[in-house]
């Protein structure tokens, strides 16, 4: 008996895997850092991720989007992943989770 994987379960799994990716200059994962703006799982199980970087000149610009795409594609049920890299709205420290702010000493 096969169990259908829901869009919400896929989204949750993607968020968990994104929490294993760290910005090379900041010891916090990119999800809690606030770099992931949207994770959209479509009915055909393709995924659209809208993300940003801490700045347009971020040294990880050539690495992070590809790592996000590869990790998201590794989630069971995902058929394909599209990454949209945006710089509006501009990332700022207020976008970080409470845990990230605490980890970095901002609270």
N, C-alpha and C. Protein backbone atom coordinates (compact mmCIF):
# COMPACT_ATOMS: atom_id res chain seq x y z
N UNK A 1 0.85 -1.18 0.00
CA UNK A 1 0.00 0.00 0.00
C UNK A 1 0.90 1.24 0.00
N UNK A 2 0.79 2.05 -1.03
CA UNK A 2 1.64 3.24 -1.10
C UNK A 2 0.93 4.43 -0.46
N UNK A 3 1.73 5.26 0.18
CA UNK A 3 1.19 6.43 0.87
C UNK A 3 1.51 7.67 0.04
N UNK A 4 0.53 8.50 -0.18
CA UNK A 4 0.74 9.72 -0.96
C UNK A 4 1.43 10.77 -0.10
N UNK A 5 2.46 11.36 -0.66
CA UNK A 5 3.18 12.43 0.04
C UNK A 5 2.45 13.73 -0.26
N UNK A 6 2.09 14.47 0.77
CA UNK A 6 1.35 15.71 0.57
C UNK A 6 2.29 16.87 0.25
N UNK A 7 1.74 17.90 -0.36
CA UNK A 7 2.53 19.10 -0.65
C UNK A 7 3.07 19.70 0.64
N UNK A 8 2.26 19.69 1.69
CA UNK A 8 2.69 20.27 2.98
C UNK A 8 3.83 19.45 3.59
N UNK A 9 3.77 18.13 3.46
CA UNK A 9 4.84 17.27 3.98
C UNK A 9 6.14 17.52 3.22
N UNK A 10 6.03 17.71 1.91
CA UNK A 10 7.22 18.00 1.11
C UNK A 10 7.81 19.34 1.53
N UNK A 11 6.94 20.35 1.72
CA UNK A 11 7.43 21.67 2.14
C UNK A 11 8.16 21.57 3.48
N UNK A 12 7.59 20.85 4.42
CA UNK A 12 8.21 20.67 5.73
C UNK A 12 9.57 19.99 5.60
N UNK A 13 9.65 18.96 4.75
CA UNK A 13 10.91 18.25 4.54
C UNK A 13 11.95 19.15 3.88
N UNK A 14 11.52 19.97 2.94
CA UNK A 14 12.45 20.90 2.28
C UNK A 14 13.00 21.90 3.29
N UNK A 15 12.13 22.45 4.13
CA UNK A 15 12.59 23.40 5.14
C UNK A 15 13.60 22.74 6.07
N UNK A 16 13.34 21.50 6.46
CA UNK A 16 14.29 20.79 7.33
C UNK A 16 15.64 20.62 6.65
N UNK A 17 15.64 20.27 5.36
CA UNK A 17 16.91 20.08 4.65
C UNK A 17 17.62 21.42 4.42
N UNK A 18 16.85 22.49 4.23
CA UNK A 18 17.46 23.81 4.06
C UNK A 18 18.14 24.27 5.35
N UNK A 19 17.67 23.77 6.47
CA UNK A 19 18.27 24.12 7.76
C UNK A 19 19.63 23.46 7.96
N UNK A 20 20.04 22.61 6.99
CA UNK A 20 21.36 21.99 7.08
C UNK A 20 22.39 22.76 6.26
N UNK A 21 21.95 23.85 5.60
CA UNK A 21 22.84 24.67 4.78
C UNK A 21 23.21 25.92 5.57
N UNK A 22 24.49 26.19 5.66
CA UNK A 22 24.95 27.34 6.44
C UNK A 22 25.64 28.35 5.55
N UNK A 23 25.40 29.63 5.82
CA UNK A 23 26.14 30.70 5.17
C UNK A 23 27.59 30.53 5.62
N UNK A 24 28.55 30.55 4.69
CA UNK A 24 29.94 30.32 5.07
C UNK A 24 30.53 31.36 6.02
N UNK A 25 29.93 32.53 6.09
CA UNK A 25 30.48 33.58 6.94
C UNK A 25 29.73 33.77 8.25
N UNK A 26 28.56 33.14 8.38
CA UNK A 26 27.73 33.31 9.58
C UNK A 26 27.33 31.93 10.08
N UNK A 27 27.56 31.62 11.36
CA UNK A 27 27.31 30.26 11.86
C UNK A 27 25.83 29.96 12.14
N UNK A 28 24.96 30.32 11.19
CA UNK A 28 23.53 30.08 11.32
C UNK A 28 23.04 29.54 9.98
N UNK A 29 22.07 28.60 10.03
CA UNK A 29 21.57 28.05 8.77
C UNK A 29 20.80 29.11 7.98
N UNK A 30 20.75 28.91 6.66
CA UNK A 30 20.18 29.94 5.79
C UNK A 30 18.68 30.15 5.99
N UNK A 31 17.97 29.14 6.49
CA UNK A 31 16.53 29.30 6.73
C UNK A 31 16.31 30.22 7.93
N UNK A 32 16.98 29.93 9.04
CA UNK A 32 16.83 30.77 10.23
C UNK A 32 17.46 32.15 10.03
N UNK A 33 18.41 32.23 9.13
CA UNK A 33 19.03 33.52 8.81
C UNK A 33 18.05 34.42 8.04
N UNK A 34 17.00 33.82 7.48
CA UNK A 34 16.00 34.61 6.76
C UNK A 34 16.29 34.75 5.28
N UNK A 35 17.18 33.91 4.75
CA UNK A 35 17.53 34.03 3.33
C UNK A 35 16.52 33.33 2.41
N UNK A 36 15.67 32.49 2.99
CA UNK A 36 14.64 31.81 2.19
C UNK A 36 13.33 32.57 2.38
N UNK A 37 12.87 33.21 1.30
CA UNK A 37 11.64 34.00 1.37
C UNK A 37 10.40 33.14 1.16
N UNK A 38 10.47 32.18 0.24
CA UNK A 38 9.30 31.34 -0.06
C UNK A 38 9.75 29.93 -0.43
N UNK A 39 8.94 28.95 -0.03
CA UNK A 39 9.06 27.58 -0.51
C UNK A 39 7.66 27.21 -0.98
N UNK A 40 7.49 27.08 -2.29
CA UNK A 40 6.18 26.77 -2.87
C UNK A 40 6.22 25.41 -3.53
N UNK A 41 5.39 24.49 -3.04
CA UNK A 41 5.26 23.17 -3.64
C UNK A 41 3.99 23.19 -4.49
N UNK A 42 4.16 23.00 -5.77
CA UNK A 42 3.03 23.05 -6.70
C UNK A 42 2.35 21.68 -6.78
N UNK A 43 1.10 21.64 -7.27
CA UNK A 43 0.37 20.37 -7.34
C UNK A 43 1.08 19.26 -8.11
N UNK A 44 1.95 19.61 -9.05
CA UNK A 44 2.69 18.58 -9.80
C UNK A 44 3.99 18.19 -9.10
N UNK A 45 4.17 18.64 -7.85
CA UNK A 45 5.33 18.33 -7.02
C UNK A 45 6.63 18.95 -7.53
N UNK A 46 6.50 20.01 -8.32
CA UNK A 46 7.68 20.83 -8.59
C UNK A 46 7.73 21.88 -7.49
N UNK A 47 8.91 22.39 -7.23
CA UNK A 47 9.10 23.30 -6.11
C UNK A 47 9.73 24.59 -6.62
N UNK A 48 9.20 25.70 -6.14
CA UNK A 48 9.78 27.01 -6.42
C UNK A 48 10.28 27.58 -5.11
N UNK A 49 11.55 27.97 -5.08
CA UNK A 49 12.13 28.56 -3.87
C UNK A 49 12.60 29.96 -4.23
N UNK A 50 12.12 30.94 -3.46
CA UNK A 50 12.55 32.32 -3.62
C UNK A 50 13.51 32.60 -2.47
N UNK A 51 14.71 33.03 -2.82
CA UNK A 51 15.73 33.25 -1.79
C UNK A 51 16.53 34.50 -2.11
N UNK A 52 17.29 34.92 -1.13
CA UNK A 52 18.19 36.05 -1.30
C UNK A 52 19.54 35.69 -0.68
N UNK A 53 20.44 36.63 -0.71
CA UNK A 53 21.73 36.50 -0.05
C UNK A 53 21.88 37.67 0.90
N UNK A 54 22.84 37.61 1.81
CA UNK A 54 23.01 38.72 2.76
C UNK A 54 23.36 40.00 2.04
N UNK A 55 24.02 39.89 0.86
CA UNK A 55 24.28 41.06 0.02
C UNK A 55 24.53 40.57 -1.40
N UNK A 56 24.32 41.43 -2.42
CA UNK A 56 24.57 41.01 -3.80
C UNK A 56 26.01 40.58 -4.05
N UNK A 57 26.95 41.09 -3.25
CA UNK A 57 28.35 40.73 -3.43
C UNK A 57 28.79 39.59 -2.50
N UNK A 58 27.83 38.89 -1.94
CA UNK A 58 28.11 37.78 -1.02
C UNK A 58 29.03 36.76 -1.70
N UNK A 59 30.12 36.36 -1.02
CA UNK A 59 31.05 35.39 -1.61
C UNK A 59 30.39 34.04 -1.93
N UNK A 60 29.28 33.73 -1.26
CA UNK A 60 28.60 32.45 -1.47
C UNK A 60 27.60 32.50 -2.62
N UNK A 61 27.53 33.63 -3.33
CA UNK A 61 26.55 33.79 -4.41
C UNK A 61 26.64 32.69 -5.45
N UNK A 62 27.83 32.21 -5.73
CA UNK A 62 27.99 31.16 -6.73
C UNK A 62 27.74 29.76 -6.20
N UNK A 63 27.60 29.63 -4.89
CA UNK A 63 27.49 28.31 -4.26
C UNK A 63 26.11 28.05 -3.67
N UNK A 64 25.59 28.99 -2.88
CA UNK A 64 24.36 28.74 -2.13
C UNK A 64 23.14 28.38 -2.98
N UNK A 65 22.82 29.11 -4.05
CA UNK A 65 21.62 28.73 -4.82
C UNK A 65 21.68 27.29 -5.35
N UNK A 66 22.84 26.86 -5.81
CA UNK A 66 22.99 25.50 -6.30
C UNK A 66 22.84 24.47 -5.19
N UNK A 67 23.38 24.80 -4.02
CA UNK A 67 23.25 23.90 -2.87
C UNK A 67 21.80 23.79 -2.43
N UNK A 68 21.08 24.93 -2.43
CA UNK A 68 19.66 24.92 -2.09
C UNK A 68 18.89 24.05 -3.08
N UNK A 69 19.16 24.22 -4.37
CA UNK A 69 18.48 23.43 -5.39
C UNK A 69 18.76 21.93 -5.22
N UNK A 70 20.01 21.57 -5.04
CA UNK A 70 20.37 20.16 -4.89
C UNK A 70 19.76 19.52 -3.65
N UNK A 71 19.81 20.24 -2.54
CA UNK A 71 19.24 19.68 -1.30
C UNK A 71 17.72 19.54 -1.43
N UNK A 72 17.05 20.53 -2.03
CA UNK A 72 15.60 20.45 -2.19
C UNK A 72 15.22 19.30 -3.12
N UNK A 73 16.01 19.09 -4.18
CA UNK A 73 15.75 17.98 -5.11
C UNK A 73 15.91 16.62 -4.45
N UNK A 74 16.68 16.56 -3.36
CA UNK A 74 16.92 15.29 -2.67
C UNK A 74 15.72 14.85 -1.82
N UNK A 75 14.75 15.72 -1.62
CA UNK A 75 13.58 15.40 -0.80
C UNK A 75 12.65 14.46 -1.56
N UNK A 76 12.20 13.41 -0.90
CA UNK A 76 11.30 12.43 -1.53
C UNK A 76 10.04 13.11 -2.05
N UNK A 77 9.67 12.79 -3.28
CA UNK A 77 8.46 13.32 -3.88
C UNK A 77 8.66 14.54 -4.75
N UNK A 78 9.81 15.20 -4.62
CA UNK A 78 10.08 16.41 -5.41
C UNK A 78 10.45 16.01 -6.83
N UNK A 79 9.75 16.60 -7.80
CA UNK A 79 10.04 16.29 -9.21
C UNK A 79 11.10 17.23 -9.80
N UNK A 80 11.03 18.51 -9.46
CA UNK A 80 12.00 19.47 -9.96
C UNK A 80 11.99 20.70 -9.06
N UNK A 81 13.07 21.48 -9.11
CA UNK A 81 13.20 22.66 -8.26
C UNK A 81 13.67 23.83 -9.11
N UNK A 82 13.02 24.97 -8.90
CA UNK A 82 13.43 26.22 -9.53
C UNK A 82 13.81 27.19 -8.42
N UNK A 83 14.98 27.81 -8.57
CA UNK A 83 15.44 28.80 -7.60
C UNK A 83 15.31 30.18 -8.22
N UNK A 84 14.67 31.09 -7.49
CA UNK A 84 14.62 32.48 -7.92
C UNK A 84 15.43 33.29 -6.91
N UNK A 85 16.53 33.85 -7.35
CA UNK A 85 17.40 34.65 -6.49
C UNK A 85 16.98 36.11 -6.63
N UNK A 86 16.56 36.71 -5.53
CA UNK A 86 16.08 38.10 -5.56
C UNK A 86 16.85 38.94 -4.55
N UNK A 87 16.83 40.24 -4.77
CA UNK A 87 17.47 41.15 -3.82
C UNK A 87 16.50 42.21 -3.33
N UNK A 88 15.22 42.01 -3.63
CA UNK A 88 14.15 42.87 -3.11
C UNK A 88 13.10 41.96 -2.50
N UNK A 89 12.70 42.10 -1.27
CA UNK A 89 13.24 43.09 -0.34
C UNK A 89 14.67 42.74 0.06
N UNK A 90 15.42 43.77 0.36
CA UNK A 90 16.81 43.61 0.78
C UNK A 90 16.84 42.89 2.13
N UNK A 91 17.71 41.89 2.24
CA UNK A 91 17.85 41.16 3.49
C UNK A 91 18.37 42.09 4.58
N UNK A 92 17.83 41.90 5.79
CA UNK A 92 18.37 42.62 6.95
C UNK A 92 18.23 41.73 8.18
N UNK A 93 18.84 42.12 9.27
CA UNK A 93 18.88 41.29 10.47
C UNK A 93 17.51 41.01 11.06
N UNK A 94 16.52 41.85 10.77
CA UNK A 94 15.17 41.63 11.28
C UNK A 94 14.51 40.40 10.67
N UNK A 95 15.05 39.90 9.57
CA UNK A 95 14.49 38.72 8.89
C UNK A 95 14.92 37.42 9.55
N UNK A 96 15.87 37.49 10.47
CA UNK A 96 16.36 36.29 11.15
C UNK A 96 15.34 35.79 12.16
N UNK A 97 15.35 34.48 12.39
CA UNK A 97 14.50 33.89 13.42
C UNK A 97 15.02 34.33 14.78
N UNK A 98 14.19 34.17 15.79
CA UNK A 98 14.61 34.51 17.16
C UNK A 98 15.83 33.67 17.55
N UNK A 99 15.84 32.38 17.13
CA UNK A 99 16.97 31.51 17.45
C UNK A 99 18.26 32.04 16.84
N UNK A 100 18.18 32.50 15.59
CA UNK A 100 19.38 33.03 14.93
C UNK A 100 19.87 34.29 15.62
N UNK A 101 18.94 35.17 15.98
CA UNK A 101 19.33 36.40 16.67
C UNK A 101 20.00 36.08 18.00
N UNK A 102 19.46 35.10 18.70
CA UNK A 102 20.03 34.70 19.99
C UNK A 102 21.43 34.10 19.78
N UNK A 103 21.56 33.23 18.76
CA UNK A 103 22.84 32.59 18.45
C UNK A 103 23.92 33.62 18.14
N UNK A 104 23.54 34.68 17.45
CA UNK A 104 24.51 35.70 17.03
C UNK A 104 24.66 36.85 18.03
N UNK A 105 23.92 36.76 19.15
CA UNK A 105 24.05 37.76 20.19
C UNK A 105 23.30 39.05 19.92
N UNK A 106 22.26 38.99 19.07
CA UNK A 106 21.47 40.18 18.78
C UNK A 106 20.31 40.37 19.75
N UNK A 107 20.10 39.43 20.64
CA UNK A 107 19.01 39.55 21.63
C UNK A 107 19.59 39.64 23.01
